[in-house]
């Protein structure tokens, strides 16, 4: 059993961060964004993706390919900043690597490629990456280097959340709790979670943040990770008090990500692109 446990840790460490937000979280963000696209941007999104394809339906594609056909994109899903640090150093935290650089660099690339790439396949893939990775960078523990994004920090989930019944598998890690458990313990279906945000957080915060800078998003999320990891040691129990503290942060980050994704797409696809001359 000890050998198996060590192997599991080595496996996580060798492959870096696990998924950010589960399928539910990415679908929530994509749906929020799509509802806020301008008519021009929505037409462009549909043209790039190929017909009546919803953004939510492609929101997890980037996770599907990072382990298979595109391992060179693996590091695009996170930014490894130590919890004790509050600054971003691109030389150390976004360096070129066979598995890619980091989320910040890919967002910058994808923004330009969705309008300026000559190859329609590259434009489509860049849009799918952008939809996904804007979401990734708002998951607080995808901005954390410690414990491989706290994938190795084991916790016991005791909260039932709004569902009231605790998860059937209470043993988890802190990263996975933030990927999916908090969302699943709030609403059974991601569409219902969108409706909940539309009637609450999004109603109270109708505009995106003034900044559309992914570095600022990263540092904002990193500060939240510091707060939500404070006092959590290996084997800690996450109770209803933790859920009550975490849920407003989850709502805020899903809402922010959706609003910001919409703002980015409206900026880049809502008017004629300004591409560099060949």
Protein backbone atom coordinates (compact mmCIF):
# COMPACT_ATOMS: atom_id res chain seq x y z
CA UNK A 1 0.00 0.00 0.00
CA UNK A 2 2.89 2.37 0.75
CA UNK A 3 4.36 1.66 -2.69
CA UNK A 4 0.99 2.38 -4.31
CA UNK A 5 0.66 5.66 -2.43
CA UNK A 6 4.17 6.76 -3.38
CA UNK A 7 3.50 5.82 -7.00
CA UNK A 8 0.34 7.92 -7.01
CA UNK A 9 2.20 10.96 -5.72
CA UNK A 10 4.96 10.47 -8.29
CA UNK A 11 2.38 10.14 -11.04
CA UNK A 12 0.72 13.43 -10.12
CA UNK A 13 4.08 15.15 -9.73
CA UNK A 14 5.41 13.89 -13.06
CA UNK A 15 2.38 15.13 -14.97
CA UNK A 16 1.98 18.44 -13.15
CA UNK A 17 -1.37 19.98 -12.32
CA UNK A 18 -4.58 18.01 -12.70
CA UNK A 19 -7.69 19.41 -14.34
CA UNK A 20 -8.91 22.86 -13.40
CA UNK A 21 -12.67 23.07 -12.86
CA UNK A 22 -14.43 19.91 -13.86
CA UNK A 23 -16.65 19.70 -16.93
CA UNK A 24 -19.37 21.43 -14.92
CA UNK A 25 -17.28 24.48 -14.10
CA UNK A 26 -16.05 24.97 -17.65
CA UNK A 27 -19.57 24.60 -19.03
CA UNK A 28 -20.88 27.17 -16.54
CA UNK A 29 -18.23 29.71 -17.55
CA UNK A 30 -18.74 29.14 -21.27
CA UNK A 31 -22.52 29.47 -21.02
CA UNK A 32 -22.28 32.70 -19.01
CA UNK A 33 -19.94 34.11 -21.65
CA UNK A 34 -21.99 33.02 -24.66
CA UNK A 35 -25.11 34.72 -23.28
CA UNK A 36 -23.17 38.01 -23.23
CA UNK A 37 -21.59 38.00 -26.68
CA UNK A 38 -22.41 40.76 -29.08
CA UNK A 39 -24.30 39.71 -32.22
CA UNK A 40 -21.13 40.09 -34.29
CA UNK A 41 -18.96 38.15 -31.86
CA UNK A 42 -21.54 35.36 -31.58
CA UNK A 43 -21.69 35.05 -35.38
CA UNK A 44 -17.89 34.80 -35.49
CA UNK A 45 -17.80 32.20 -32.72
CA UNK A 46 -20.33 30.07 -34.59
CA UNK A 47 -18.41 30.47 -37.84
CA UNK A 48 -15.08 29.52 -36.25
CA UNK A 49 -16.49 26.53 -34.36
CA UNK A 50 -18.57 25.43 -37.33
CA UNK A 51 -22.29 26.03 -37.11
CA UNK A 52 -24.58 25.95 -34.09
CA UNK A 53 -21.93 24.65 -31.70
CA UNK A 54 -22.31 25.93 -28.16
CA UNK A 55 -19.25 27.15 -26.33
CA UNK A 56 -20.19 24.94 -23.38
CA UNK A 57 -19.98 21.84 -25.60
CA UNK A 58 -16.31 22.51 -26.42
CA UNK A 59 -15.27 24.00 -23.09
CA UNK A 60 -13.47 20.84 -21.86
CA UNK A 61 -11.85 19.86 -25.18
CA UNK A 62 -8.47 21.24 -24.09
CA UNK A 63 -8.40 18.82 -21.16
CA UNK A 64 -9.22 15.91 -23.47
CA UNK A 65 -6.19 16.51 -25.70
CA UNK A 66 -3.54 17.52 -23.17
CA UNK A 67 -2.98 13.89 -22.14
CA UNK A 68 -3.22 12.47 -25.66
CA UNK A 69 -2.64 14.17 -28.99
CA UNK A 70 -1.26 17.47 -27.64
CA UNK A 71 1.06 16.86 -24.67
CA UNK A 72 2.92 20.03 -25.66
CA UNK A 73 -0.07 21.99 -24.29
CA UNK A 74 0.00 20.46 -20.81
CA UNK A 75 1.42 23.47 -18.96
CA UNK A 76 -0.98 25.90 -20.63
CA UNK A 77 -3.58 25.14 -17.97
CA UNK A 78 -1.90 26.69 -14.94
CA UNK A 79 0.71 29.10 -13.56
CA UNK A 80 2.96 27.75 -10.81
CA UNK A 81 3.43 30.53 -8.24
CA UNK A 82 4.47 29.59 -4.68
CA UNK A 83 1.71 30.21 -2.15
CA UNK A 84 4.01 32.45 -0.13
CA UNK A 85 4.71 34.64 -3.16
CA UNK A 86 2.41 37.34 -4.49
CA UNK A 87 4.16 38.24 -7.73
CA UNK A 88 4.45 36.74 -11.20
CA UNK A 89 7.87 36.03 -12.69
CA UNK A 90 7.43 34.93 -16.33
CA UNK A 91 11.06 33.82 -16.59
CA UNK A 92 10.64 31.29 -13.79
CA UNK A 93 6.91 30.55 -13.96
CA UNK A 94 6.18 30.64 -17.69
CA UNK A 95 9.38 29.37 -19.28
CA UNK A 96 9.33 27.40 -22.54
CA UNK A 97 9.17 23.66 -21.95
CA UNK A 98 8.41 20.53 -24.03
CA UNK A 99 5.03 20.49 -22.23
CA UNK A 100 4.33 24.16 -22.95
CA UNK A 101 4.82 27.41 -21.04
CA UNK A 102 1.82 28.59 -18.99
CA UNK A 103 -1.80 29.77 -19.08
CA UNK A 104 -0.93 33.46 -19.28
CA UNK A 105 1.17 33.01 -22.41
CA UNK A 106 -1.43 30.83 -24.13
CA UNK A 107 -4.25 33.28 -23.46
CA UNK A 108 -2.17 36.01 -25.10
CA UNK A 109 -1.45 33.79 -28.11
CA UNK A 110 -4.99 32.51 -28.49
CA UNK A 111 -6.46 36.01 -28.42
CA UNK A 112 -4.45 36.93 -31.51
CA UNK A 113 -4.83 33.60 -33.27
CA UNK A 114 -8.64 33.55 -33.19
CA UNK A 115 -8.64 36.56 -35.49
CA UNK A 116 -5.29 36.51 -37.23
CA UNK A 117 -4.44 32.86 -37.92
CA UNK A 118 -4.72 32.02 -41.62
CA UNK A 119 -5.53 28.35 -40.96
CA UNK A 120 -9.22 27.88 -39.97
CA UNK A 121 -8.30 24.77 -37.93
CA UNK A 122 -5.82 26.81 -35.90
CA UNK A 123 -8.45 29.49 -35.34
CA UNK A 124 -10.94 26.88 -34.15
CA UNK A 125 -8.46 25.23 -31.81
CA UNK A 126 -7.24 28.57 -30.47
CA UNK A 127 -10.83 29.55 -29.66
CA UNK A 128 -11.38 26.25 -27.86
CA UNK A 129 -8.18 26.78 -25.87
CA UNK A 130 -9.17 30.35 -25.02
CA UNK A 131 -12.63 29.30 -23.80
CA UNK A 132 -11.04 26.67 -21.57
CA UNK A 133 -7.94 28.40 -20.26
CA UNK A 134 -9.65 31.65 -19.27
CA UNK A 135 -11.67 29.36 -17.02
CA UNK A 136 -8.60 27.51 -15.77
CA UNK A 137 -6.83 30.64 -14.61
CA UNK A 138 -9.79 31.57 -12.41
CA UNK A 139 -9.60 28.28 -10.46
CA UNK A 140 -7.52 29.53 -7.51
CA UNK A 141 -5.40 26.40 -7.15
CA UNK A 142 -4.31 26.53 -10.78
CA UNK A 143 -2.15 29.48 -9.78
CA UNK A 144 -0.34 27.56 -7.03
CA UNK A 145 2.96 25.66 -7.21
CA UNK A 146 2.78 24.11 -3.72
CA UNK A 147 1.76 20.46 -3.64
CA UNK A 148 1.37 20.49 -7.44
CA UNK A 149 -1.54 22.88 -7.12
CA UNK A 150 -2.44 21.16 -3.82
CA UNK A 151 -3.17 17.92 -5.65
CA UNK A 152 -1.11 16.16 -3.00
CA UNK A 153 -2.87 17.83 -0.05
CA UNK A 154 -5.34 15.18 1.08
CA UNK A 155 -8.55 16.24 2.81
CA UNK A 156 -11.77 14.64 4.07
CA UNK A 157 -14.98 16.23 2.78
CA UNK A 158 -17.71 16.34 5.38
CA UNK A 159 -19.82 19.19 4.03
CA UNK A 160 -23.11 18.52 2.28
CA UNK A 161 -23.49 22.02 0.88
CA UNK A 162 -26.84 22.99 -0.59
CA UNK A 163 -27.32 19.35 -1.66
CA UNK A 164 -27.25 18.52 2.09
CA UNK A 165 -25.84 15.02 1.57
CA UNK A 166 -22.02 14.71 1.77
CA UNK A 167 -20.15 13.22 -1.23
CA UNK A 168 -20.13 9.43 -1.46
CA UNK A 169 -16.32 9.53 -1.68
CA UNK A 170 -15.23 11.88 1.10
CA UNK A 171 -11.46 11.29 0.73
CA UNK A 172 -10.10 13.75 -1.79
CA UNK A 173 -7.45 16.39 -2.35
CA UNK A 174 -7.90 20.12 -1.98
CA UNK A 175 -7.41 20.75 -5.71
CA UNK A 176 -10.16 18.31 -6.68
CA UNK A 177 -12.51 19.82 -4.10
CA UNK A 178 -12.16 23.13 -5.93
CA UNK A 179 -12.34 21.55 -9.38
CA UNK A 180 -15.68 19.84 -8.86
CA UNK A 181 -16.85 18.97 -5.36
CA UNK A 182 -17.90 22.47 -4.30
CA UNK A 183 -19.89 22.89 -7.51
CA UNK A 184 -21.50 19.44 -7.38
CA UNK A 185 -22.50 19.94 -3.74
CA UNK A 186 -24.29 23.16 -4.71
CA UNK A 187 -26.33 22.10 -7.76
CA UNK A 188 -26.88 18.72 -9.39
CA UNK A 189 -26.68 20.14 -12.93
CA UNK A 190 -24.36 22.81 -14.33
CA UNK A 191 -27.28 24.52 -16.10
CA UNK A 192 -28.98 25.00 -12.75
CA UNK A 193 -25.78 26.51 -11.40
CA UNK A 194 -25.81 29.04 -14.25
CA UNK A 195 -29.41 29.92 -13.42
CA UNK A 196 -28.44 30.38 -9.78
CA UNK A 197 -25.60 32.76 -10.70
CA UNK A 198 -27.83 34.67 -13.12
CA UNK A 199 -30.28 35.30 -10.30
CA UNK A 200 -27.66 36.21 -7.71
CA UNK A 201 -23.96 36.97 -8.28
CA UNK A 202 -24.25 38.00 -11.93
CA UNK A 203 -27.31 40.10 -11.16
CA UNK A 204 -25.28 42.02 -8.60
CA UNK A 205 -22.11 42.21 -10.75
CA UNK A 206 -23.27 42.73 -14.35
CA UNK A 207 -19.99 44.09 -15.73
CA UNK A 208 -16.61 42.45 -16.17
CA UNK A 209 -13.60 43.64 -14.23
CA UNK A 210 -11.99 46.75 -15.65
CA UNK A 211 -8.85 44.76 -16.40
CA UNK A 212 -8.69 42.06 -19.06
CA UNK A 213 -5.07 41.30 -18.18
CA UNK A 214 -4.49 37.58 -17.48
CA UNK A 215 -1.59 38.44 -15.15
CA UNK A 216 -3.97 40.43 -12.95
CA UNK A 217 -6.49 37.57 -13.07
CA UNK A 218 -3.78 35.14 -11.99
CA UNK A 219 -2.61 37.20 -9.02
CA UNK A 220 -6.22 37.82 -7.97
CA UNK A 221 -6.93 34.07 -8.01
CA UNK A 222 -3.64 33.34 -6.24
CA UNK A 223 -4.63 35.58 -3.33
CA UNK A 224 -7.88 33.64 -3.04
CA UNK A 225 -5.93 30.36 -3.01
CA UNK A 226 -3.82 31.67 -0.13
CA UNK A 227 -6.98 32.43 1.83
CA UNK A 228 -8.67 29.12 1.04
CA UNK A 229 -5.60 27.01 1.85
CA UNK A 230 -4.87 28.76 5.13
CA UNK A 231 -4.91 26.36 8.05
CA UNK A 232 -5.57 23.31 5.84
CA UNK A 233 -3.05 20.55 6.56
CA UNK A 234 -2.78 17.04 5.18
CA UNK A 235 -5.77 14.99 6.33
CA UNK A 236 -7.81 18.05 7.32
CA UNK A 237 -11.59 17.83 7.46
CA UNK A 238 -13.55 20.28 5.32
CA UNK A 239 -16.83 20.94 7.12
CA UNK A 240 -19.84 23.15 6.49
CA UNK A 241 -17.94 26.17 7.77
CA UNK A 242 -15.37 25.66 4.99
CA UNK A 243 -18.14 25.26 2.41
CA UNK A 244 -19.83 28.46 3.60
CA UNK A 245 -16.51 30.29 3.27
CA UNK A 246 -15.65 28.76 -0.11
CA UNK A 247 -18.98 29.00 -1.95
CA UNK A 248 -18.96 32.81 -2.40
CA UNK A 249 -15.45 32.50 -3.84
CA UNK A 250 -16.52 29.76 -6.27
CA UNK A 251 -19.50 31.86 -7.39
CA UNK A 252 -17.30 34.91 -7.81
CA UNK A 253 -14.61 33.11 -9.81
CA UNK A 254 -17.07 31.34 -12.12
CA UNK A 255 -18.91 34.62 -12.65
CA UNK A 256 -15.75 36.62 -13.23
CA UNK A 257 -14.42 34.06 -15.68
CA UNK A 258 -17.64 34.09 -17.70
CA UNK A 259 -17.85 37.88 -17.83
CA UNK A 260 -14.20 38.25 -18.74
CA UNK A 261 -14.33 35.56 -21.41
CA UNK A 262 -17.28 37.38 -22.99
CA UNK A 263 -15.43 40.70 -22.82
CA UNK A 264 -12.33 39.21 -24.45
CA UNK A 265 -14.34 37.63 -27.27
CA UNK A 266 -16.35 40.79 -27.84
CA UNK A 267 -13.12 42.76 -28.07
CA UNK A 268 -11.41 40.38 -30.50
CA UNK A 269 -14.35 39.16 -32.54
CA UNK A 270 -16.71 42.12 -32.34
CA UNK A 271 -14.85 44.19 -34.93
CA UNK A 272 -12.34 43.83 -37.76
CA UNK A 273 -9.06 42.40 -36.43
CA UNK A 274 -5.89 44.47 -36.39
CA UNK A 275 -3.41 41.81 -37.52
CA UNK A 276 0.27 42.48 -38.19
CA UNK A 277 1.21 42.69 -41.85
CA UNK A 278 2.99 39.60 -43.26
